[in-house]
PDB file of N, CA and C in Angstrom:
ATOM      1  N   MET A   1       9.290 -48.675   0.468  1.00  0.00           N
ATOM      2  CA  MET A   1       9.196 -48.301  -1.163  1.00  0.00           C
ATOM      3  C   MET A   1       7.618 -48.016  -1.537  1.00  0.00           C
ATOM      4  N   GLN A   2       7.229 -47.133  -2.486  1.00  0.00           N
ATOM      5  CA  GLN A   2       6.080 -46.343  -2.585  1.00  0.00           C
ATOM      6  C   GLN A   2       5.546 -47.116  -4.434  1.00  0.00           C
ATOM      7  N   THR A   3       4.393 -47.552  -3.694  1.00  0.00           N
ATOM      8  CA  THR A   3       3.715 -48.343  -4.770  1.00  0.00           C
ATOM      9  C   THR A   3       3.152 -47.193  -6.151  1.00  0.00           C
ATOM     10  N   ALA A   4       2.475 -47.601  -7.239  1.00  0.00           N
ATOM     11  CA  ALA A   4       1.801 -46.430  -7.879  1.00  0.00           C
ATOM     12  C   ALA A   4       0.734 -45.993  -7.277  1.00  0.00           C
ATOM     13  N   SER A   5       0.307 -47.053  -6.467  1.00  0.00           N
ATOM     14  CA  SER A   5      -1.138 -45.911  -6.065  1.00  0.00           C
ATOM     15  C   SER A   5      -0.732 -45.387  -4.899  1.00  0.00           C
ATOM     16  N   ASN A   6       0.463 -45.250  -4.345  1.00  0.00           N
ATOM     17  CA  ASN A   6       0.554 -44.576  -3.257  1.00  0.00           C
ATOM     18  C   ASN A   6       0.600 -43.262  -3.665  1.00  0.00           C
ATOM     19  N   ASP A   7       2.009 -42.963  -5.036  1.00  0.00           N
ATOM     20  CA  ASP A   7       2.107 -42.004  -5.449  1.00  0.00           C
ATOM     21  C   ASP A   7       0.442 -41.162  -5.867  1.00  0.00           C
ATOM     22  N   GLY A   8      -0.042 -42.098  -6.881  1.00  0.00           N
ATOM     23  CA  GLY A   8      -1.062 -41.041  -7.032  1.00  0.00           C
ATOM     24  C   GLY A   8      -2.082 -40.535  -6.134  1.00  0.00           C
ATOM     25  N   ARG A   9      -2.433 -41.106  -4.917  1.00  0.00           N
ATOM     26  CA  ARG A   9      -2.730 -40.501  -3.802  1.00  0.00           C
ATOM     27  C   ARG A   9      -2.222 -39.488  -3.338  1.00  0.00           C
ATOM     28  N   MET A  10      -0.799 -39.482  -2.635  1.00  0.00           N
ATOM     29  CA  MET A  10       0.324 -38.500  -2.292  1.00  0.00           C
ATOM     30  C   MET A  10      -0.469 -37.230  -3.565  1.00  0.00           C
ATOM     31  N   SER A  11      -0.199 -37.451  -4.563  1.00  0.00           N
ATOM     32  CA  SER A  11      -0.436 -36.023  -5.663  1.00  0.00           C
ATOM     33  C   SER A  11      -2.332 -35.739  -5.136  1.00  0.00           C
ATOM     34  N   THR A  12      -3.054 -36.501  -4.890  1.00  0.00           N
ATOM     35  CA  THR A  12      -4.222 -36.002  -4.836  1.00  0.00           C
ATOM     36  C   THR A  12      -4.727 -35.144  -3.583  1.00  0.00           C
ATOM     37  N   LEU A  13      -3.586 -35.820  -2.444  1.00  0.00           N
ATOM     38  CA  LEU A  13      -3.594 -34.895  -1.451  1.00  0.00           C
ATOM     39  C   LEU A  13      -2.830 -33.796  -1.374  1.00  0.00           C
ATOM     40  N   THR A  14      -1.521 -33.682  -2.256  1.00  0.00           N
ATOM     41  CA  THR A  14      -0.893 -32.569  -2.231  1.00  0.00           C
ATOM     42  C   THR A  14      -1.692 -31.548  -3.372  1.00  0.00           C
ATOM     43  N   LYS A  15      -2.681 -31.726  -4.285  1.00  0.00           N
ATOM     44  CA  LYS A  15      -3.324 -30.770  -4.784  1.00  0.00           C
ATOM     45  C   LYS A  15      -4.451 -30.474  -4.095  1.00  0.00           C
ATOM     46  N   ARG A  16      -4.923 -31.039  -3.051  1.00  0.00           N
ATOM     47  CA  ARG A  16      -6.265 -30.309  -2.112  1.00  0.00           C
ATOM     48  C   ARG A  16      -5.677 -29.445  -1.111  1.00  0.00           C
ATOM     49  N   LEU A  17      -4.479 -30.041  -0.559  1.00  0.00           N
ATOM     50  CA  LEU A  17      -3.630 -29.286  -0.030  1.00  0.00           C
ATOM     51  C   LEU A  17      -3.610 -27.929  -0.400  1.00  0.00           C
ATOM     52  N   VAL A  18      -3.078 -28.009  -1.490  1.00  0.00           N
ATOM     53  CA  VAL A  18      -2.865 -26.409  -2.469  1.00  0.00           C
ATOM     54  C   VAL A  18      -3.908 -25.802  -2.512  1.00  0.00           C
ATOM     55  N   LEU A  19      -5.183 -26.421  -2.808  1.00  0.00           N
ATOM     56  CA  LEU A  19      -6.184 -25.902  -3.189  1.00  0.00           C
ATOM     57  C   LEU A  19      -6.880 -25.172  -1.986  1.00  0.00           C
ATOM     58  N   VAL A  20      -6.826 -25.939  -0.839  1.00  0.00           N
ATOM     59  CA  VAL A  20      -7.577 -25.314   0.496  1.00  0.00           C
ATOM     60  C   VAL A  20      -6.580 -24.427   0.809  1.00  0.00           C
ATOM     61  N   MET A  21      -5.092 -24.093   1.071  1.00  0.00           N
ATOM     62  CA  MET A  21      -4.613 -23.380   1.270  1.00  0.00           C
ATOM     63  C   MET A  21      -4.597 -21.829   0.372  1.00  0.00           C
ATOM     64  N   SER A  22      -5.220 -22.038  -1.022  1.00  0.00           N
ATOM     65  CA  SER A  22      -4.912 -20.845  -1.649  1.00  0.00           C
ATOM     66  C   SER A  22      -6.486 -20.135  -1.373  1.00  0.00           C
ATOM     67  N   LEU A  23      -7.216 -21.638  -1.429  1.00  0.00           N
ATOM     68  CA  LEU A  23      -8.470 -20.951  -0.977  1.00  0.00           C
ATOM     69  C   LEU A  23      -8.641 -19.605   0.393  1.00  0.00           C
ATOM     70  N   SER A  24      -7.646 -20.706   1.281  1.00  0.00           N
ATOM     71  CA  SER A  24      -7.890 -19.566   2.488  1.00  0.00           C
ATOM     72  C   SER A  24      -7.074 -18.273   2.496  1.00  0.00           C
ATOM     73  N   LEU A  25      -6.075 -18.650   1.579  1.00  0.00           N
ATOM     74  CA  LEU A  25      -5.391 -17.288   1.249  1.00  0.00           C
ATOM     75  C   LEU A  25      -5.991 -16.089   0.594  1.00  0.00           C
ATOM     76  N   VAL A  26      -7.091 -16.500  -0.406  1.00  0.00           N
ATOM     77  CA  VAL A  26      -8.150 -15.985  -1.144  1.00  0.00           C
ATOM     78  C   VAL A  26      -9.230 -14.983   0.005  1.00  0.00           C
ATOM     79  N   LEU A  27      -9.676 -15.919   1.107  1.00  0.00           N
ATOM     80  CA  LEU A  27     -10.525 -15.590   1.957  1.00  0.00           C
ATOM     81  C   LEU A  27     -10.187 -14.436   2.860  1.00  0.00           C
ATOM     82  N   ALA A  28      -8.701 -14.781   3.255  1.00  0.00           N
ATOM     83  CA  ALA A  28      -8.261 -13.797   4.206  1.00  0.00           C
ATOM     84  C   ALA A  28      -7.981 -12.310   3.572  1.00  0.00           C
ATOM     85  N   VAL A  29      -7.800 -12.410   2.108  1.00  0.00           N
ATOM     86  CA  VAL A  29      -6.881 -11.127   1.539  1.00  0.00           C
ATOM     87  C   VAL A  29      -8.530 -10.336   1.412  1.00  0.00           C
ATOM     88  N   VAL A  30     -10.068 -11.236   1.451  1.00  0.00           N
ATOM     89  CA  VAL A  30     -11.411 -10.429   0.918  1.00  0.00           C
ATOM     90  C   VAL A  30     -11.375  -9.907   2.228  1.00  0.00           C
ATOM     91  N   LEU A  31     -11.355 -10.722   3.339  1.00  0.00           N
ATOM     92  CA  LEU A  31     -11.813 -10.542   4.494  1.00  0.00           C
ATOM     93  C   LEU A  31     -11.219  -8.875   5.185  1.00  0.00           C
ATOM     94  N   PHE A  32      -9.645  -8.828   4.727  1.00  0.00           N
ATOM     95  CA  PHE A  32      -8.834  -8.065   5.324  1.00  0.00           C
ATOM     96  C   PHE A  32      -9.435  -6.715   4.412  1.00  0.00           C
ATOM     97  N   ALA A  33      -9.612  -6.625   3.281  1.00  0.00           N
ATOM     98  CA  ALA A  33     -10.181  -5.942   2.364  1.00  0.00           C
ATOM     99  C   ALA A  33     -11.349  -5.003   2.606  1.00  0.00           C
ATOM    100  N   THR A  34     -12.395  -5.980   2.983  1.00  0.00           N
ATOM    101  CA  THR A  34     -13.881  -5.804   3.878  1.00  0.00           C
ATOM    102  C   THR A  34     -13.448  -5.017   5.187  1.00  0.00           C
ATOM    103  N   LEU A  35     -12.844  -5.832   6.090  1.00  0.00           N
ATOM    104  CA  LEU A  35     -13.081  -4.930   7.510  1.00  0.00           C
ATOM    105  C   LEU A  35     -11.970  -4.047   7.789  1.00  0.00           C
ATOM    106  N   ARG A  36     -11.125  -3.844   6.899  1.00  0.00           N
ATOM    107  CA  ARG A  36     -10.413  -2.390   7.381  1.00  0.00           C
ATOM    108  C   ARG A  36     -11.209  -1.385   7.696  1.00  0.00           C
ATOM    109  N   SER A  37     -10.634  -0.539   8.363  1.00  0.00           N
ATOM    110  CA  SER A  37     -11.314   1.014   8.867  1.00  0.00           C
ATOM    111  C   SER A  37     -10.890   1.727   7.437  1.00  0.00           C
ATOM    112  N   PRO A  38     -12.069   2.597   7.352  1.00  0.00           N
ATOM    113  CA  PRO A  38     -12.135   3.213   6.066  1.00  0.00           C
ATOM    114  C   PRO A  38     -11.442   4.604   6.411  1.00  0.00           C
ATOM    115  N   THR A  39     -10.667   4.928   5.486  1.00  0.00           N
ATOM    116  CA  THR A  39      -9.850   6.599   5.739  1.00  0.00           C
ATOM    117  C   THR A  39     -10.761   7.445   5.922  1.00  0.00           C
ATOM    118  N   VAL A  40     -10.729   8.316   6.458  1.00  0.00           N
ATOM    119  CA  VAL A  40     -11.577   9.387   6.814  1.00  0.00           C
ATOM    120  C   VAL A  40     -10.222  10.726   7.250  1.00  0.00           C
ATOM    121  N   PRO A  41     -10.640  11.573   6.058  1.00  0.00           N
ATOM    122  CA  PRO A  41      -9.777  12.790   6.135  1.00  0.00           C
ATOM    123  C   PRO A  41      -9.816  13.635   7.348  1.00  0.00           C
ATOM    124  N   LEU A  42      -8.864  14.287   7.719  1.00  0.00           N
ATOM    125  CA  LEU A  42      -8.710  15.079   8.614  1.00  0.00           C
ATOM    126  C   LEU A  42      -9.533  16.268   8.912  1.00  0.00           C
ATOM    127  N   GLU A  43      -9.863  16.496   9.705  1.00  0.00           N
ATOM    128  CA  GLU A  43     -11.104  17.738   9.687  1.00  0.00           C
ATOM    129  C   GLU A  43      -9.865  18.940  10.550  1.00  0.00           C
ATOM    130  N   GLY A  44      -9.770  19.912  10.266  1.00  0.00           N
ATOM    131  CA  GLY A  44      -9.373  20.865  10.927  1.00  0.00           C
ATOM    132  C   GLY A  44      -8.017  21.249  10.438  1.00  0.00           C
ATOM    133  N   VAL A  45      -7.144  20.499   9.493  1.00  0.00           N
ATOM    134  CA  VAL A  45      -6.090  20.444   8.985  1.00  0.00           C
ATOM    135  C   VAL A  45      -6.178  21.782   7.961  1.00  0.00           C
ATOM    136  N   SER A  46      -5.356  22.849   7.512  1.00  0.00           N
ATOM    137  CA  SER A  46      -5.924  23.647   6.340  1.00  0.00           C
ATOM    138  C   SER A  46      -4.883  24.173   5.986  1.00  0.00           C
ATOM    139  N   LYS A  47      -3.541  24.184   6.990  1.00  0.00           N
ATOM    140  CA  LYS A  47      -2.425  25.163   6.514  1.00  0.00           C
ATOM    141  C   LYS A  47      -1.093  24.231   7.146  1.00  0.00           C
ATOM    142  N   VAL A  48       0.019  23.622   6.273  1.00  0.00           N
ATOM    143  CA  VAL A  48       0.786  22.699   6.290  1.00  0.00           C
ATOM    144  C   VAL A  48       1.942  23.279   6.100  1.00  0.00           C
ATOM    145  N   THR A  49       3.066  23.279   6.753  1.00  0.00           N
ATOM    146  CA  THR A  49       4.299  23.435   5.981  1.00  0.00           C
ATOM    147  C   THR A  49       5.261  22.443   6.284  1.00  0.00           C
ATOM    148  N   ILE A  50       5.956  22.345   4.878  1.00  0.00           N
ATOM    149  CA  ILE A  50       6.444  20.969   4.545  1.00  0.00           C
ATOM    150  C   ILE A  50       8.155  21.492   4.409  1.00  0.00           C
ATOM    151  N   ALA A  51       9.110  20.857   4.931  1.00  0.00           N
ATOM    152  CA  ALA A  51      10.189  20.806   4.550  1.00  0.00           C
ATOM    153  C   ALA A  51      10.632  20.382   3.413  1.00  0.00           C
ATOM    154  N   VAL A  52      11.081  20.441   2.411  1.00  0.00           N
ATOM    155  CA  VAL A  52      11.527  19.920   1.053  1.00  0.00           C
ATOM    156  C   VAL A  52      13.272  19.932   0.859  1.00  0.00           C
ATOM    157  N   PRO A  53      13.877  18.938   0.854  1.00  0.00           N
ATOM    158  CA  PRO A  53      15.096  19.103   0.421  1.00  0.00           C
ATOM    159  C   PRO A  53      15.335  19.347  -1.020  1.00  0.00           C
ATOM    160  N   MET A  54      16.218  20.112  -1.283  1.00  0.00           N
ATOM    161  CA  MET A  54      16.921  20.440  -2.530  1.00  0.00           C
ATOM    162  C   MET A  54      17.622  19.340  -3.395  1.00  0.00           C
ATOM    163  N   GLN A  55      16.558  17.921  -3.678  1.00  0.00           N
ATOM    164  CA  GLN A  55      17.357  17.078  -4.165  1.00  0.00           C
ATOM    165  C   GLN A  55      16.071  16.346  -5.615  1.00  0.00           C
ATOM    166  N   ILE A  56      16.707  15.957  -6.049  1.00  0.00           N
ATOM    167  CA  ILE A  56      15.564  15.283  -7.272  1.00  0.00           C
ATOM    168  C   ILE A  56      14.615  14.045  -6.624  1.00  0.00           C
ATOM    169  N   SER A  57      15.072  13.827  -5.699  1.00  0.00           N
ATOM    170  CA  SER A  57      13.961  12.803  -4.950  1.00  0.00           C
ATOM    171  C   SER A  57      12.387  13.713  -4.516  1.00  0.00           C
ATOM    172  N   SER A  58      12.829  14.836  -4.274  1.00  0.00           N
ATOM    173  CA  SER A  58      11.451  16.168  -3.844  1.00  0.00           C
ATOM    174  C   SER A  58      10.747  16.300  -4.752  1.00  0.00           C
ATOM    175  N   ALA A  59      11.034  15.570  -6.168  1.00  0.00           N
ATOM    176  CA  ALA A  59      10.599  16.558  -7.091  1.00  0.00           C
ATOM    177  C   ALA A  59       9.116  16.104  -7.222  1.00  0.00           C
ATOM    178  N   VAL A  60       8.520  15.010  -7.009  1.00  0.00           N
ATOM    179  CA  VAL A  60       6.951  14.501  -6.203  1.00  0.00           C
ATOM    180  C   VAL A  60       6.446  15.391  -5.841  1.00  0.00           C
ATOM    181  N   MET A  61       7.096  16.209  -4.504  1.00  0.00           N
ATOM    182  CA  MET A  61       5.997  16.889  -4.139  1.00  0.00           C
ATOM    183  C   MET A  61       6.278  18.128  -4.514  1.00  0.00           C
ATOM    184  N   MET A  62       7.169  18.825  -5.215  1.00  0.00           N
ATOM    185  CA  MET A  62       7.182  20.184  -6.020  1.00  0.00           C
ATOM    186  C   MET A  62       6.093  20.291  -7.108  1.00  0.00           C
ATOM    187  N   VAL A  63       6.282  19.080  -7.611  1.00  0.00           N
ATOM    188  CA  VAL A  63       5.226  19.325  -8.757  1.00  0.00           C
ATOM    189  C   VAL A  63       3.911  18.800  -8.318  1.00  0.00           C
ATOM    190  N   ALA A  64       3.297  18.268  -7.113  1.00  0.00           N
ATOM    191  CA  ALA A  64       2.377  17.925  -6.540  1.00  0.00           C
ATOM    192  C   ALA A  64       1.499  19.637  -6.713  1.00  0.00           C
ATOM    193  N   THR A  65       2.611  19.923  -5.520  1.00  0.00           N
ATOM    194  CA  THR A  65       2.506  21.844  -5.210  1.00  0.00           C
ATOM    195  C   THR A  65       2.022  22.362  -6.380  1.00  0.00           C
ATOM    196  N   ALA A  66       2.797  22.351  -7.379  1.00  0.00           N
ATOM    197  CA  ALA A  66       2.873  23.153  -8.615  1.00  0.00           C
ATOM    198  C   ALA A  66       1.473  22.857  -9.298  1.00  0.00           C
ATOM    199  N   GLN A  67       0.963  21.779  -9.362  1.00  0.00           N
ATOM    200  CA  GLN A  67      -0.212  21.182 -10.002  1.00  0.00           C
ATOM    201  C   GLN A  67      -1.553  21.852  -8.891  1.00  0.00           C
ATOM    202  N   GLY A  68      -1.366  22.001  -7.772  1.00  0.00           N
ATOM    203  CA  GLY A  68      -2.358  22.259  -7.013  1.00  0.00           C
ATOM    204  C   GLY A  68      -3.115  20.961  -6.297  1.00  0.00           C
ATOM    205  N   LEU A  69      -2.300  19.840  -6.382  1.00  0.00           N
ATOM    206  CA  LEU A  69      -3.153  18.988  -5.736  1.00  0.00           C
ATOM    207  C   LEU A  69      -3.319  18.853  -4.384  1.00  0.00           C
ATOM    208  N   PHE A  70      -2.682  19.455  -3.794  1.00  0.00           N
ATOM    209  CA  PHE A  70      -3.108  19.980  -2.125  1.00  0.00           C
ATOM    210  C   PHE A  70      -4.285  20.701  -1.929  1.00  0.00           C
ATOM    211  N   ARG A  71      -4.009  21.572  -2.466  1.00  0.00           N
ATOM    212  CA  ARG A  71      -5.131  22.651  -2.760  1.00  0.00           C
ATOM    213  C   ARG A  71      -6.378  22.238  -3.057  1.00  0.00           C
ATOM    214  N   GLN A  72      -6.525  21.199  -4.260  1.00  0.00           N
ATOM    215  CA  GLN A  72      -7.809  20.446  -4.779  1.00  0.00           C
ATOM    216  C   GLN A  72      -8.344  19.125  -3.499  1.00  0.00           C
ATOM    217  N   ALA A  73      -7.354  19.191  -2.208  1.00  0.00           N
ATOM    218  CA  ALA A  73      -8.120  18.268  -1.051  1.00  0.00           C
ATOM    219  C   ALA A  73      -7.947  18.995   0.004  1.00  0.00           C
ATOM    220  N   GLY A  74      -8.358  20.394  -0.055  1.00  0.00           N
ATOM    221  CA  GLY A  74      -8.204  21.475   0.771  1.00  0.00           C
ATOM    222  C   GLY A  74      -7.369  21.670   1.738  1.00  0.00           C
ATOM    223  N   VAL A  75      -5.990  21.535   1.374  1.00  0.00           N
ATOM    224  CA  VAL A  75      -4.853  21.549   2.358  1.00  0.00           C
ATOM    225  C   VAL A  75      -4.193  22.813   1.650  1.00  0.00           C
ATOM    226  N   GLU A  76      -3.780  24.047   2.453  1.00  0.00           N
ATOM    227  CA  GLU A  76      -2.967  24.754   2.090  1.00  0.00           C
ATOM    228  C   GLU A  76      -1.336  24.325   2.401  1.00  0.00           C
ATOM    229  N   VAL A  77      -0.844  24.117   1.478  1.00  0.00           N
ATOM    230  CA  VAL A  77       0.761  23.510   1.674  1.00  0.00           C
ATOM    231  C   VAL A  77       1.659  24.833   1.130  1.00  0.00           C
ATOM    232  N   ARG A  78       2.432  25.226   2.266  1.00  0.00           N
ATOM    233  CA  ARG A  78       3.886  26.066   1.980  1.00  0.00           C
ATOM    234  C   ARG A  78       5.353  25.384   2.395  1.00  0.00           C
ATOM    235  N   SER A  79       5.869  25.162   1.214  1.00  0.00           N
ATOM    236  CA  SER A  79       6.965  24.453   1.100  1.00  0.00           C
ATOM    237  C   SER A  79       8.412  25.320   1.634  1.00  0.00           C
ATOM    238  N   GLN A  80       8.952  24.741   2.314  1.00  0.00           N
ATOM    239  CA  GLN A  80      10.307  25.224   3.282  1.00  0.00           C
ATOM    240  C   GLN A  80      11.029  24.536   2.415  1.00  0.00           C
ATOM    241  N   PRO A  81      12.028  25.183   1.308  1.00  0.00           N
ATOM    242  CA  PRO A  81      13.111  24.192   0.796  1.00  0.00           C
ATOM    243  C   PRO A  81      14.539  24.372   1.904  1.00  0.00           C
ATOM    244  N   PHE A  82      15.144  23.322   1.806  1.00  0.00           N
ATOM    245  CA  PHE A  82      16.587  23.587   2.482  1.00  0.00           C
ATOM    246  C   PHE A  82      17.263  22.665   1.951  1.00  0.00           C
ATOM    247  N   ILE A  83      18.551  22.802   1.771  1.00  0.00           N
ATOM    248  CA  ILE A  83      19.936  22.282   1.547  1.00  0.00           C
ATOM    249  C   ILE A  83      20.361  21.177   2.579  1.00  0.00           C
ATOM    250  N   LEU A  84      20.526  20.148   2.004  1.00  0.00           N
ATOM    251  CA  LEU A  84      20.884  18.945   2.954  1.00  0.00           C
ATOM    252  C   LEU A  84      22.376  19.045   3.148  1.00  0.00           C
ATOM    253  N   GLY A  85      23.239  18.682   4.681  1.00  0.00           N
ATOM    254  CA  GLY A  85      24.412  18.778   4.636  1.00  0.00           C
ATOM    255  C   GLY A  85      25.057  20.350   4.849  1.00  0.00           C
ATOM    256  N   LYS A  86      24.220  20.907   4.950  1.00  0.00           N
ATOM    257  CA  LYS A  86      24.888  22.453   5.357  1.00  0.00           C
ATOM    258  C   LYS A  86      24.112  22.769   6.565  1.00  0.00           C
TER     259      LYS A  86
END
């Protein structure tokens, strides 16, 4: 049987445990973000051919090519459309 004083102590321990776990998670995320390797652009890649299926899911690729986003990044992209299932 637990008394009122045990309930208060358990609540304090639970709060401390949650606080310590939360701080540990925040520290892990900050360390991961700080220590991860930076992205480096690929050198020497200037021309790429990408097979693009003629589906609505490929619209992002088609729009990016049409807007010149790949050209801005220094990559010449040639889209090769194809039909799935044939």
